[in-house]
Amino acid sequence: MINVIKQFDGNKRLIVKGITWELFGLLILFLMSNNFEFSLLYILLRIFTYPIFHKLWKNIKWGK
């Protein structure tokens, strides 16, 4: 039997990782669209809608 050790990131690390990921996405989207306002709006929508999406998926029993 294989011994598997799961490692989880701490809360601060998760927050920083999420913020840097979204900033990276903002940069890529801005470079593609050349429209900073649109890029920022899109990233903000993603940040605020992801928790809703996550909670909906927590309630789905499929694949658990």
C-alpha atoms as a PDB file:
ATOM      1  CA  MET A   1       0.000   0.000   0.000  1.00  0.00           C
ATOM      2  CA  ILE A   2       1.301   3.418  -0.902  1.00  0.00           C
ATOM      3  CA  ASN A   3       1.460   5.965   1.885  1.00  0.00           C
ATOM      4  CA  VAL A   4       0.099   9.249   0.547  1.00  0.00           C
ATOM      5  CA  ILE A   5       0.655  12.465   2.483  1.00  0.00           C
ATOM      6  CA  LYS A   6      -1.585  15.329   1.448  1.00  0.00           C
ATOM      7  CA  GLN A   7      -0.214  18.794   1.971  1.00  0.00           C
ATOM      8  CA  PHE A   8      -2.520  21.781   2.159  1.00  0.00           C
ATOM      9  CA  ASP A   9      -1.580  25.403   1.739  1.00  0.00           C
ATOM     10  CA  GLY A  10      -2.208  27.728   4.653  1.00  0.00           C
ATOM     11  CA  ASN A  11      -4.885  30.426   4.409  1.00  0.00           C
ATOM     12  CA  LYS A  12      -2.435  33.273   3.784  1.00  0.00           C
ATOM     13  CA  ARG A  13      -0.677  31.307   1.061  1.00  0.00           C
ATOM     14  CA  LEU A  14      -3.992  30.466  -0.611  1.00  0.00           C
ATOM     15  CA  ILE A  15      -5.059  34.118  -0.598  1.00  0.00           C
ATOM     16  CA  VAL A  16      -1.741  35.336  -2.016  1.00  0.00           C
ATOM     17  CA  LYS A  17      -1.750  32.552  -4.599  1.00  0.00           C
ATOM     18  CA  GLY A  18      -5.286  33.467  -5.673  1.00  0.00           C
ATOM     19  CA  ILE A  19      -4.522  37.171  -5.904  1.00  0.00           C
ATOM     20  CA  THR A  20      -1.350  36.640  -7.932  1.00  0.00           C
ATOM     21  CA  TRP A  21      -3.195  34.233 -10.247  1.00  0.00           C
ATOM     22  CA  GLU A  22      -5.916  36.829 -10.894  1.00  0.00           C
ATOM     23  CA  LEU A  23      -3.334  39.589 -11.426  1.00  0.00           C
ATOM     24  CA  PHE A  24      -1.572  37.368 -13.933  1.00  0.00           C
ATOM     25  CA  GLY A  25      -4.931  36.807 -15.666  1.00  0.00           C
ATOM     26  CA  LEU A  26      -5.552  40.562 -15.661  1.00  0.00           C
ATOM     27  CA  LEU A  27      -2.204  41.167 -17.345  1.00  0.00           C
ATOM     28  CA  ILE A  28      -2.786  38.507 -20.003  1.00  0.00           C
ATOM     29  CA  LEU A  29      -6.335  39.737 -20.702  1.00  0.00           C
ATOM     30  CA  PHE A  30      -5.145  43.336 -20.912  1.00  0.00           C
ATOM     31  CA  LEU A  31      -2.380  42.397 -23.324  1.00  0.00           C
ATOM     32  CA  MET A  32      -4.911  40.551 -25.492  1.00  0.00           C
ATOM     33  CA  SER A  33      -7.687  43.164 -25.410  1.00  0.00           C
ATOM     34  CA  ASN A  34      -5.715  46.390 -24.835  1.00  0.00           C
ATOM     35  CA  ASN A  35      -8.658  47.523 -22.695  1.00  0.00           C
ATOM     36  CA  PHE A  36      -7.794  47.838 -18.995  1.00  0.00           C
ATOM     37  CA  GLU A  37     -11.329  48.675 -17.810  1.00  0.00           C
ATOM     38  CA  PHE A  38     -12.790  45.593 -19.500  1.00  0.00           C
ATOM     39  CA  SER A  39      -9.987  43.407 -18.151  1.00  0.00           C
ATOM     40  CA  LEU A  40     -10.433  44.692 -14.607  1.00  0.00           C
ATOM     41  CA  LEU A  41     -14.220  44.259 -14.717  1.00  0.00           C
ATOM     42  CA  TYR A  42     -13.831  40.686 -15.962  1.00  0.00           C
ATOM     43  CA  ILE A  43     -11.352  39.779 -13.214  1.00  0.00           C
ATOM     44  CA  LEU A  44     -13.541  41.376 -10.517  1.00  0.00           C
ATOM     45  CA  LEU A  45     -16.544  39.410 -11.753  1.00  0.00           C
ATOM     46  CA  ARG A  46     -14.485  36.220 -11.576  1.00  0.00           C
ATOM     47  CA  ILE A  47     -13.349  36.974  -8.029  1.00  0.00           C
ATOM     48  CA  PHE A  48     -16.864  37.647  -6.761  1.00  0.00           C
ATOM     49  CA  THR A  49     -18.653  34.830  -8.600  1.00  0.00           C
ATOM     50  CA  TYR A  50     -16.174  32.035  -7.830  1.00  0.00           C
ATOM     51  CA  PRO A  51     -17.318  31.549  -4.196  1.00  0.00           C
ATOM     52  CA  ILE A  52     -20.894  31.099  -5.430  1.00  0.00           C
ATOM     53  CA  PHE A  53     -19.734  28.582  -8.029  1.00  0.00           C
ATOM     54  CA  HIS A  54     -17.683  26.750  -5.381  1.00  0.00           C
ATOM     55  CA  LYS A  55     -20.625  26.528  -2.947  1.00  0.00           C
ATOM     56  CA  LEU A  56     -22.906  25.189  -5.664  1.00  0.00           C
ATOM     57  CA  TRP A  57     -20.418  22.430  -6.485  1.00  0.00           C
ATOM     58  CA  LYS A  58     -20.051  21.506  -2.805  1.00  0.00           C
ATOM     59  CA  ASN A  59     -23.737  20.538  -2.840  1.00  0.00           C
ATOM     60  CA  ILE A  60     -23.403  18.222  -5.853  1.00  0.00           C
ATOM     61  CA  LYS A  61     -22.912  14.593  -4.803  1.00  0.00           C
ATOM     62  CA  TRP A  62     -21.631  13.408  -8.195  1.00  0.00           C
ATOM     63  CA  GLY A  63     -18.055  12.132  -8.146  1.00  0.00           C
ATOM     64  CA  LYS A  64     -17.661  12.119  -4.365  1.00  0.00           C
END
